[in-house]
C-alpha atoms as a PDB file:
ATOM      1  CA  UNK A   1       4.351  20.616 -46.314  1.00  0.00           C
ATOM      2  CA  UNK A   2       5.199  21.998 -42.882  1.00  0.00           C
ATOM      3  CA  UNK A   3       4.946  19.684 -39.864  1.00  0.00           C
ATOM      4  CA  UNK A   4       4.560  21.247 -36.447  1.00  0.00           C
ATOM      5  CA  UNK A   5       5.712  18.979 -33.623  1.00  0.00           C
ATOM      6  CA  UNK A   6       4.419  19.954 -30.221  1.00  0.00           C
ATOM      7  CA  UNK A   7       6.953  18.638 -27.709  1.00  0.00           C
ATOM      8  CA  UNK A   8       5.046  19.853 -24.668  1.00  0.00           C
ATOM      9  CA  UNK A   9       2.273  17.257 -24.904  1.00  0.00           C
ATOM     10  CA  UNK A  10       1.744  15.180 -21.812  1.00  0.00           C
ATOM     11  CA  UNK A  11       1.814  11.425 -21.882  1.00  0.00           C
ATOM     12  CA  UNK A  12      -1.412   9.501 -21.532  1.00  0.00           C
ATOM     13  CA  UNK A  13      -2.261   9.567 -17.845  1.00  0.00           C
ATOM     14  CA  UNK A  14      -3.996   6.192 -18.025  1.00  0.00           C
ATOM     15  CA  UNK A  15      -0.576   4.539 -17.966  1.00  0.00           C
ATOM     16  CA  UNK A  16      -0.351   4.841 -14.186  1.00  0.00           C
ATOM     17  CA  UNK A  17      -0.985   2.540 -11.284  1.00  0.00           C
ATOM     18  CA  UNK A  18      -4.542   2.595  -9.915  1.00  0.00           C
ATOM     19  CA  UNK A  19      -5.509   2.115  -6.280  1.00  0.00           C
ATOM     20  CA  UNK A  20      -8.821   0.377  -5.693  1.00  0.00           C
ATOM     21  CA  UNK A  21     -10.282   0.487  -2.215  1.00  0.00           C
ATOM     22  CA  UNK A  22     -12.322  -2.604  -1.413  1.00  0.00           C
ATOM     23  CA  UNK A  23     -15.680  -1.983   0.293  1.00  0.00           C
ATOM     24  CA  UNK A  24     -14.457  -3.982   3.297  1.00  0.00           C
ATOM     25  CA  UNK A  25     -11.827  -1.315   4.026  1.00  0.00           C
ATOM     26  CA  UNK A  26     -14.416   1.450   4.186  1.00  0.00           C
ATOM     27  CA  UNK A  27     -16.537  -0.703   6.485  1.00  0.00           C
ATOM     28  CA  UNK A  28     -13.482  -1.380   8.704  1.00  0.00           C
ATOM     29  CA  UNK A  29     -12.579   2.312   8.963  1.00  0.00           C
ATOM     30  CA  UNK A  30     -16.168   3.288   9.754  1.00  0.00           C
ATOM     31  CA  UNK A  31     -16.282   0.609  12.472  1.00  0.00           C
ATOM     32  CA  UNK A  32     -13.592   2.410  14.504  1.00  0.00           C
ATOM     33  CA  UNK A  33     -15.179   4.322  17.357  1.00  0.00           C
ATOM     34  CA  UNK A  34     -12.601   7.092  17.715  1.00  0.00           C
ATOM     35  CA  UNK A  35     -12.844   9.714  14.962  1.00  0.00           C
ATOM     36  CA  UNK A  36      -9.106  10.512  15.191  1.00  0.00           C
ATOM     37  CA  UNK A  37      -8.323   6.898  14.247  1.00  0.00           C
ATOM     38  CA  UNK A  38     -10.727   7.082  11.306  1.00  0.00           C
ATOM     39  CA  UNK A  39      -9.140  10.341  10.151  1.00  0.00           C
ATOM     40  CA  UNK A  40      -5.619   8.896  10.426  1.00  0.00           C
ATOM     41  CA  UNK A  41      -6.500   5.929   8.218  1.00  0.00           C
ATOM     42  CA  UNK A  42      -8.400   8.041   5.690  1.00  0.00           C
ATOM     43  CA  UNK A  43      -5.495  10.493   5.416  1.00  0.00           C
ATOM     44  CA  UNK A  44      -2.998   7.646   5.080  1.00  0.00           C
ATOM     45  CA  UNK A  45      -5.043   6.130   2.244  1.00  0.00           C
ATOM     46  CA  UNK A  46      -5.151   9.481   0.441  1.00  0.00           C
ATOM     47  CA  UNK A  47      -1.346   9.790   0.715  1.00  0.00           C
ATOM     48  CA  UNK A  48      -0.949   6.190  -0.471  1.00  0.00           C
ATOM     49  CA  UNK A  49      -3.259   6.870  -3.426  1.00  0.00           C
ATOM     50  CA  UNK A  50      -1.151   9.867  -4.484  1.00  0.00           C
ATOM     51  CA  UNK A  51       2.030   7.785  -4.204  1.00  0.00           C
ATOM     52  CA  UNK A  52       0.558   4.848  -6.141  1.00  0.00           C
ATOM     53  CA  UNK A  53      -0.672   7.093  -8.966  1.00  0.00           C
ATOM     54  CA  UNK A  54       2.921   8.270  -9.565  1.00  0.00           C
ATOM     55  CA  UNK A  55       4.028   4.733 -10.475  1.00  0.00           C
ATOM     56  CA  UNK A  56       4.249   4.421 -14.280  1.00  0.00           C
ATOM     57  CA  UNK A  57       2.772   0.944 -14.484  1.00  0.00           C
ATOM     58  CA  UNK A  58      -0.590   0.072 -15.984  1.00  0.00           C
ATOM     59  CA  UNK A  59      -1.819  -2.135 -13.170  1.00  0.00           C
ATOM     60  CA  UNK A  60      -4.276  -2.063 -10.283  1.00  0.00           C
ATOM     61  CA  UNK A  61      -3.495  -2.423  -6.587  1.00  0.00           C
ATOM     62  CA  UNK A  62      -6.454  -3.424  -4.439  1.00  0.00           C
ATOM     63  CA  UNK A  63      -6.475  -2.819  -0.702  1.00  0.00           C
ATOM     64  CA  UNK A  64      -9.124  -4.058   1.673  1.00  0.00           C
ATOM     65  CA  UNK A  65      -9.748  -5.259   5.202  1.00  0.00           C
ATOM     66  CA  UNK A  66      -8.538  -8.752   6.073  1.00  0.00           C
ATOM     67  CA  UNK A  67     -10.905 -11.090   7.812  1.00  0.00           C
ATOM     68  CA  UNK A  68      -9.382 -11.830  11.272  1.00  0.00           C
ATOM     69  CA  UNK A  69      -9.178 -15.532  10.447  1.00  0.00           C
ATOM     70  CA  UNK A  70      -6.814 -14.755   7.561  1.00  0.00           C
ATOM     71  CA  UNK A  71      -4.654 -12.253   9.447  1.00  0.00           C
ATOM     72  CA  UNK A  72      -1.236 -13.270  10.701  1.00  0.00           C
ATOM     73  CA  UNK A  73       0.451 -11.942  13.787  1.00  0.00           C
ATOM     74  CA  UNK A  74       3.000  -9.350  12.809  1.00  0.00           C
ATOM     75  CA  UNK A  75       6.185  -9.419  14.854  1.00  0.00           C
ATOM     76  CA  UNK A  76       7.813  -6.328  13.479  1.00  0.00           C
ATOM     77  CA  UNK A  77       8.848  -2.945  14.725  1.00  0.00           C
ATOM     78  CA  UNK A  78       5.491  -1.462  15.338  1.00  0.00           C
ATOM     79  CA  UNK A  79       3.877  -2.611  12.111  1.00  0.00           C
ATOM     80  CA  UNK A  80       4.610  -4.589   9.088  1.00  0.00           C
ATOM     81  CA  UNK A  81       7.821  -5.838   8.272  1.00  0.00           C
ATOM     82  CA  UNK A  82       9.525  -4.394   5.234  1.00  0.00           C
ATOM     83  CA  UNK A  83      12.068  -1.597   5.254  1.00  0.00           C
ATOM     84  CA  UNK A  84      13.932  -0.360   2.191  1.00  0.00           C
ATOM     85  CA  UNK A  85      17.405   1.053   2.838  1.00  0.00           C
ATOM     86  CA  UNK A  86      19.166   3.711   0.755  1.00  0.00           C
ATOM     87  CA  UNK A  87      20.629   1.079  -1.578  1.00  0.00           C
ATOM     88  CA  UNK A  88      17.154  -0.274  -2.330  1.00  0.00           C
ATOM     89  CA  UNK A  89      17.642  -3.498  -0.393  1.00  0.00           C
ATOM     90  CA  UNK A  90      14.577  -4.726   1.482  1.00  0.00           C
ATOM     91  CA  UNK A  91      15.048  -6.037   4.999  1.00  0.00           C
ATOM     92  CA  UNK A  92      12.629  -7.499   7.487  1.00  0.00           C
ATOM     93  CA  UNK A  93      12.772  -6.172  11.054  1.00  0.00           C
ATOM     94  CA  UNK A  94      11.406  -8.238  13.913  1.00  0.00           C
ATOM     95  CA  UNK A  95      10.611  -7.593  17.532  1.00  0.00           C
ATOM     96  CA  UNK A  96       8.396  -9.127  20.183  1.00  0.00           C
ATOM     97  CA  UNK A  97       5.470  -6.741  19.642  1.00  0.00           C
ATOM     98  CA  UNK A  98       2.417  -8.754  18.592  1.00  0.00           C
ATOM     99  CA  UNK A  99      -0.147  -7.056  16.366  1.00  0.00           C
ATOM    100  CA  UNK A 100      -2.547  -8.572  13.877  1.00  0.00           C
ATOM    101  CA  UNK A 101      -2.600  -7.603  10.203  1.00  0.00           C
ATOM    102  CA  UNK A 102      -5.776  -5.729   9.404  1.00  0.00           C
ATOM    103  CA  UNK A 103      -5.561  -4.914   5.681  1.00  0.00           C
ATOM    104  CA  UNK A 104      -4.324  -6.642   2.546  1.00  0.00           C
ATOM    105  CA  UNK A 105      -2.640  -5.599  -0.698  1.00  0.00           C
ATOM    106  CA  UNK A 106      -3.294  -7.471  -3.925  1.00  0.00           C
ATOM    107  CA  UNK A 107      -1.960  -6.776  -7.414  1.00  0.00           C
ATOM    108  CA  UNK A 108      -4.222  -7.627 -10.336  1.00  0.00           C
ATOM    109  CA  UNK A 109      -3.135 -10.729 -12.150  1.00  0.00           C
ATOM    110  CA  UNK A 110      -1.608 -12.313  -9.043  1.00  0.00           C
ATOM    111  CA  UNK A 111      -3.251 -14.628  -6.534  1.00  0.00           C
ATOM    112  CA  UNK A 112      -0.922 -13.754  -3.650  1.00  0.00           C
ATOM    113  CA  UNK A 113      -2.016 -11.163  -1.118  1.00  0.00           C
ATOM    114  CA  UNK A 114       0.202  -9.346   1.354  1.00  0.00           C
ATOM    115  CA  UNK A 115      -1.118  -8.570   4.830  1.00  0.00           C
ATOM    116  CA  UNK A 116      -0.269  -5.247   6.447  1.00  0.00           C
ATOM    117  CA  UNK A 117      -0.865  -3.859   9.928  1.00  0.00           C
ATOM    118  CA  UNK A 118      -2.184  -0.313   9.605  1.00  0.00           C
ATOM    119  CA  UNK A 119      -2.206   1.130  13.110  1.00  0.00           C
ATOM    120  CA  UNK A 120      -5.061   3.638  13.410  1.00  0.00           C
ATOM    121  CA  UNK A 121      -3.167   5.586  16.095  1.00  0.00           C
ATOM    122  CA  UNK A 122      -0.100   6.226  13.917  1.00  0.00           C
ATOM    123  CA  UNK A 123       0.815   9.319  11.931  1.00  0.00           C
ATOM    124  CA  UNK A 124      -0.682   9.010   8.395  1.00  0.00           C
ATOM    125  CA  UNK A 125       2.610   9.946   6.676  1.00  0.00           C
ATOM    126  CA  UNK A 126       4.447   7.200   8.550  1.00  0.00           C
ATOM    127  CA  UNK A 127       1.729   4.687   7.703  1.00  0.00           C
ATOM    128  CA  UNK A 128       1.957   5.635   4.035  1.00  0.00           C
ATOM    129  CA  UNK A 129       5.737   5.211   4.072  1.00  0.00           C
ATOM    130  CA  UNK A 130       5.508   1.734   5.621  1.00  0.00           C
ATOM    131  CA  UNK A 131       2.731   0.809   3.212  1.00  0.00           C
ATOM    132  CA  UNK A 132       4.831   1.818   0.201  1.00  0.00           C
ATOM    133  CA  UNK A 133       7.790  -0.210   1.517  1.00  0.00           C
ATOM    134  CA  UNK A 134       5.479  -3.215   1.848  1.00  0.00           C
ATOM    135  CA  UNK A 135       4.175  -2.614  -1.680  1.00  0.00           C
ATOM    136  CA  UNK A 136       7.760  -2.532  -3.013  1.00  0.00           C
ATOM    137  CA  UNK A 137       8.463  -5.830  -1.272  1.00  0.00           C
ATOM    138  CA  UNK A 138       5.316  -7.355  -2.768  1.00  0.00           C
ATOM    139  CA  UNK A 139       6.197  -6.133  -6.266  1.00  0.00           C
ATOM    140  CA  UNK A 140       9.796  -7.399  -5.960  1.00  0.00           C
ATOM    141  CA  UNK A 141       8.617 -10.810  -4.764  1.00  0.00           C
ATOM    142  CA  UNK A 142       6.592 -11.141  -7.987  1.00  0.00           C
ATOM    143  CA  UNK A 143       9.554 -10.078 -10.126  1.00  0.00           C
ATOM    144  CA  UNK A 144      11.788 -12.684  -8.487  1.00  0.00           C
ATOM    145  CA  UNK A 145       9.349 -15.486  -9.350  1.00  0.00           C
ATOM    146  CA  UNK A 146       8.962 -14.387 -13.002  1.00  0.00           C
END
């Protein structure tokens, strides 16, 4: 009997991270009055979605708008707080700029949420980069507690 092994088959694509956008985030974006701000956030979310889908982890990341009563003041650079250097070490930068977190990240299976300030006036690529650094910090904080 001859067995033909096809080595070019792709792996199951369902074994990737999924990004779920909470309805509150759509409502928040639509509430912005300047269309350029709406476009910046929508583009940033599309970039984030592409980045998240590359992560080979069967999990779901939910993002949504934080209620102002649950948002902390962010005292960091221009936005949220986590920067990953070339060696993979996460650091927290602080400054005296006060902004309020407006979205949250939440991994399925965990109760903790991470607030994030997504500035609607910022370049979408920069927002996506800061978001991914914050996601890495969130993921690492769960690994440390396990």
